[in-house]
Amino acid sequence: MLINFINLFKSFSKSFFPRKCVGCKTPDFWICKKCLKNIPISEEKPEKWIYSVFSYRSNVLRKVIWDLKFRGKYSVLEDMEEKIRKEFIIFLSKNNLNKETLYLVPIPITKESQKRRKYNQSFLIAKKIVKENENIKNILVKTKNHKSQNKIKNRNERLRNVVGSFSVKENNIPKNSTIVLIDDIVTTGATLSEAKRSLKEYGFKNIFAFTLGH
C-alpha cells in the first residue's frame, strides 16, 4: 500500500511539475540516462581520501548541482541513484571498506540555507547510498557562517575561510569506526579537510569522503 502511494505521489508530481532533462530536454527526467552516462567520470582527486564520482567540468553536471542546491529539484537524485550506488561500491572496494561497518556523515549547511531550501542536499545524497537511517549520522554542526567557497579561487584563502566552521555533537559512535563525509561538490577540498580536522580532534581516526563531483 505504501509503495503504491509513493508511486501515485510521484506520478502526481510529474503531472503538475513536468520534468525535462537538463542536457537534452527529454521529458520525464531531470537528467536522462544518456546524458548521465555522458558526464565524464572524475579522474582528479584533491586528496587520496576523497572520492568523487563526476567531473565538475561538465556543464550538465553543473546544471544538475545548481538545480539540486538552488532550485529545489532534489528529485534529480532519483535519476542518479543507481549510478551513485554503483560508484559507492567502487569507492568501498578501492579502500577495502565494509558498507555495514561505516557511518555516513553529511556536510551540514547553515541554518539559513536549511530554512530556505527545506533540506540538506548532502543528507539526501547519503540517503541514496544507504536506506537505513541508522548508518547516517548528522554529528557535524555548522558553527560559522563563512563566505561562500565558490567565490574564493585561492586554495589557501579557502582553507582560512572555513577554519572553525564545524563542531562535533556528542555521540555514541565508536572512535575506531570508519567515517565517510558526504558532500555534493569538492574543489580544493578545504571544506572537507576542515570537517575531517574537527572529527579527528573529537577522536575519530578513519575518515574518508565521497562527493558527486570534483
Protein backbone atom coordinates (compact mmCIF):
# COMPACT_ATOMS: atom_id res chain seq x y z
CA MET A 1 0.00 0.00 0.00
CA LEU A 2 2.81 2.39 0.94
CA ILE A 3 4.70 1.66 -2.30
CA ASN A 4 1.54 2.29 -4.35
CA PHE A 5 1.03 5.60 -2.55
CA ILE A 6 4.63 6.68 -3.25
CA ASN A 7 4.28 5.80 -6.95
CA LEU A 8 0.98 7.68 -7.10
CA PHE A 9 2.58 10.73 -5.48
CA LYS A 10 5.47 10.63 -7.98
CA SER A 11 3.02 10.46 -10.90
CA PHE A 12 1.05 13.37 -9.43
CA SER A 13 4.23 15.43 -9.01
CA LYS A 14 5.37 14.78 -12.58
CA SER A 15 1.96 15.82 -13.93
CA PHE A 16 1.98 19.19 -12.16
CA PHE A 17 5.74 19.78 -12.26
CA PRO A 18 6.83 18.32 -15.64
CA ARG A 19 10.47 17.34 -15.85
CA LYS A 20 12.87 17.97 -18.70
CA CYS A 21 16.42 16.67 -18.87
CA VAL A 22 18.94 19.46 -18.20
CA GLY A 23 21.07 18.10 -21.04
CA CYS A 24 18.76 17.23 -23.93
CA LYS A 25 15.27 18.30 -22.76
CA THR A 26 13.91 14.73 -22.82
CA PRO A 27 10.63 14.76 -20.82
CA ASP A 28 10.08 12.92 -17.50
CA PHE A 29 13.70 13.29 -16.32
CA TRP A 30 15.79 15.97 -14.66
CA ILE A 31 18.69 14.10 -16.23
CA CYS A 32 18.12 11.21 -18.65
CA LYS A 33 20.21 8.02 -18.71
CA LYS A 34 22.00 9.02 -21.91
CA CYS A 35 23.10 12.43 -20.58
CA LEU A 36 24.05 10.92 -17.22
CA LYS A 37 26.20 8.33 -18.98
CA ASN A 38 27.93 11.08 -20.97
CA ILE A 39 29.08 13.01 -17.89
CA PRO A 40 32.84 12.36 -17.58
CA ILE A 41 33.96 10.43 -14.53
CA SER A 42 36.26 12.38 -12.22
CA GLU A 43 39.89 11.41 -12.77
CA GLU A 44 41.35 14.01 -10.40
CA LYS A 45 41.35 13.89 -6.62
CA PRO A 46 42.33 16.80 -4.36
CA GLU A 47 43.28 14.27 -1.66
CA LYS A 48 43.72 10.48 -1.62
CA TRP A 49 40.98 10.07 0.99
CA ILE A 50 38.40 11.90 -1.15
CA TYR A 51 36.46 10.02 -3.85
CA SER A 52 34.39 11.93 -6.42
CA VAL A 53 32.04 10.42 -8.99
CA PHE A 54 31.81 13.00 -11.80
CA SER A 55 33.96 15.73 -13.29
CA TYR A 56 32.58 19.16 -12.40
CA ARG A 57 33.94 20.46 -15.69
CA SER A 58 30.81 19.02 -17.26
CA ASN A 59 28.21 21.71 -17.97
CA VAL A 60 25.46 19.13 -17.49
CA LEU A 61 26.70 18.24 -14.01
CA ARG A 62 26.95 21.93 -13.13
CA LYS A 63 23.29 22.37 -14.10
CA VAL A 64 22.33 19.29 -12.06
CA ILE A 65 24.09 20.60 -8.96
CA TRP A 66 22.61 24.07 -9.42
CA ASP A 67 19.11 22.60 -9.68
CA LEU A 68 19.75 20.39 -6.66
CA LYS A 69 21.05 23.17 -4.43
CA PHE A 70 19.21 26.28 -5.52
CA ARG A 71 16.06 25.31 -7.44
CA GLY A 72 14.55 22.74 -5.13
CA LYS A 73 14.86 19.95 -7.70
CA TYR A 74 16.23 17.41 -5.21
CA SER A 75 14.38 14.64 -7.04
CA VAL A 76 17.17 14.81 -9.64
CA LEU A 77 18.91 12.38 -7.28
CA GLU A 78 16.28 9.77 -8.20
CA ASP A 79 17.64 9.78 -11.74
CA MET A 80 21.20 9.43 -10.41
CA GLU A 81 20.56 6.91 -7.63
CA GLU A 82 21.73 3.77 -9.46
CA LYS A 83 24.96 5.43 -10.60
CA ILE A 84 25.66 6.86 -7.14
CA ARG A 85 25.28 3.44 -5.53
CA LYS A 86 27.49 1.72 -8.09
CA GLU A 87 30.22 4.31 -7.61
CA PHE A 88 29.97 3.99 -3.83
CA ILE A 89 30.59 0.24 -4.14
CA ILE A 90 33.69 1.02 -6.23
CA PHE A 91 34.80 3.50 -3.55
CA LEU A 92 34.38 0.84 -0.85
CA SER A 93 36.37 -1.69 -2.87
CA LYS A 94 39.25 0.70 -3.57
CA ASN A 95 39.59 1.50 0.12
CA ASN A 96 38.87 -2.02 1.47
CA LEU A 97 35.86 -0.76 3.41
CA ASN A 98 32.76 -2.62 4.59
CA LYS A 99 29.47 -0.80 3.99
CA GLU A 100 27.96 -2.41 7.09
CA THR A 101 30.60 -1.06 9.48
CA LEU A 102 30.83 2.59 8.49
CA TYR A 103 28.85 5.75 9.08
CA LEU A 104 27.93 8.42 6.56
CA VAL A 105 28.25 11.98 7.86
CA PRO A 106 26.69 14.67 5.61
CA ILE A 107 28.41 18.05 5.49
CA PRO A 108 25.95 20.41 7.23
CA ILE A 109 24.66 23.67 5.77
CA THR A 110 23.81 26.89 7.58
CA LYS A 111 20.50 27.32 9.39
CA GLU A 112 19.58 30.00 6.88
CA SER A 113 20.19 27.66 3.93
CA GLN A 114 18.31 24.84 5.66
CA LYS A 115 15.36 27.14 6.29
CA ARG A 116 15.36 28.40 2.70
CA ARG A 117 15.83 25.02 0.95
CA LYS A 118 13.97 22.83 3.48
CA TYR A 119 16.63 20.15 3.02
CA ASN A 120 20.37 19.48 3.09
CA GLN A 121 21.48 18.10 -0.28
CA SER A 122 24.36 16.17 1.31
CA PHE A 123 21.92 14.29 3.55
CA LEU A 124 19.77 13.44 0.51
CA ILE A 125 22.83 12.09 -1.31
CA ALA A 126 23.59 9.92 1.73
CA LYS A 127 20.01 8.63 1.61
CA LYS A 128 20.61 7.41 -1.95
CA ILE A 129 23.64 5.44 -0.77
CA VAL A 130 22.06 3.71 2.22
CA LYS A 131 18.38 3.27 3.01
CA GLU A 132 18.97 2.65 6.71
CA ASN A 133 18.93 5.96 8.58
CA GLU A 134 20.96 4.50 11.44
CA ASN A 135 24.00 4.49 9.13
CA ILE A 136 23.64 8.24 8.53
CA LYS A 137 24.81 10.41 11.41
CA ASN A 138 24.29 14.17 11.49
CA ILE A 139 27.03 14.66 14.06
CA LEU A 140 28.65 17.70 12.44
CA VAL A 141 27.32 21.15 13.31
CA LYS A 142 27.94 24.30 11.27
CA THR A 143 29.30 26.80 13.79
CA LYS A 144 30.39 29.58 11.44
CA ASN A 145 28.69 31.28 8.52
CA HIS A 146 31.74 31.81 6.34
CA LYS A 147 31.93 33.45 2.94
CA SER A 148 30.72 31.16 0.15
CA GLN A 149 33.61 28.98 -1.00
CA ASN A 150 32.68 29.24 -4.69
CA LYS A 151 33.53 32.95 -4.54
CA ILE A 152 37.12 32.23 -3.47
CA LYS A 153 39.58 30.81 -6.00
CA ASN A 154 42.79 30.62 -3.96
CA ARG A 155 43.15 27.35 -2.00
CA ASN A 156 44.93 28.92 0.98
CA GLU A 157 42.20 31.55 1.26
CA ARG A 158 39.58 28.81 1.10
CA LEU A 159 41.32 26.94 3.91
CA ARG A 160 41.43 30.08 6.07
CA ASN A 161 37.81 30.86 5.24
CA VAL A 162 36.47 27.61 6.72
CA VAL A 163 38.65 27.38 9.83
CA GLY A 164 36.39 26.81 12.86
CA SER A 165 33.35 26.08 10.69
CA PHE A 166 32.40 22.79 12.35
CA SER A 167 31.98 21.19 15.72
CA VAL A 168 31.05 17.59 16.56
CA LYS A 169 27.93 16.66 18.53
CA GLU A 170 28.24 14.25 21.43
CA ASN A 171 27.54 10.79 20.06
CA ASN A 172 27.95 7.09 20.80
CA ILE A 173 29.81 6.15 17.62
CA PRO A 174 32.92 4.09 18.48
CA LYS A 175 36.07 6.10 17.83
CA ASN A 176 37.54 3.29 15.73
CA SER A 177 34.60 3.44 13.30
CA THR A 178 35.07 4.47 9.67
CA ILE A 179 33.51 7.84 8.90
CA VAL A 180 32.62 8.82 5.31
CA LEU A 181 31.89 12.51 4.80
CA ILE A 182 29.24 13.17 2.14
CA ASP A 183 29.08 16.34 0.05
CA ASP A 184 27.87 17.44 -3.38
CA ILE A 185 30.98 19.10 -4.79
CA VAL A 186 34.64 19.27 -3.80
CA THR A 187 37.00 21.76 -5.42
CA THR A 188 40.13 22.40 -3.35
CA GLY A 189 38.99 20.12 -0.53
CA ALA A 190 39.09 22.92 2.05
CA THR A 191 35.61 22.29 3.50
CA LEU A 192 36.11 18.52 3.72
CA SER A 193 39.56 18.98 5.23
CA GLU A 194 38.18 21.24 7.95
CA ALA A 195 35.37 18.77 8.67
CA LYS A 196 37.94 15.98 8.86
CA ARG A 197 40.08 18.03 11.25
CA SER A 198 37.12 18.53 13.61
CA LEU A 199 36.31 14.80 13.55
CA LYS A 200 39.94 13.90 14.23
CA GLU A 201 40.08 16.30 17.15
CA TYR A 202 37.00 14.57 18.54
CA GLY A 203 38.79 11.22 18.33
CA PHE A 204 37.84 9.59 15.03
CA LYS A 205 40.77 8.19 13.07
CA ASN A 206 39.44 6.54 9.89
CA ILE A 207 37.93 9.30 7.77
CA PHE A 208 37.12 9.36 4.05
CA ALA A 209 34.90 11.48 1.82
CA PHE A 210 32.52 10.76 -1.07
CA THR A 211 31.18 13.50 -3.34
CA LEU A 212 29.15 13.75 -6.53
CA GLY A 213 31.61 15.95 -8.34
CA HIS A 214 35.10 17.39 -8.49
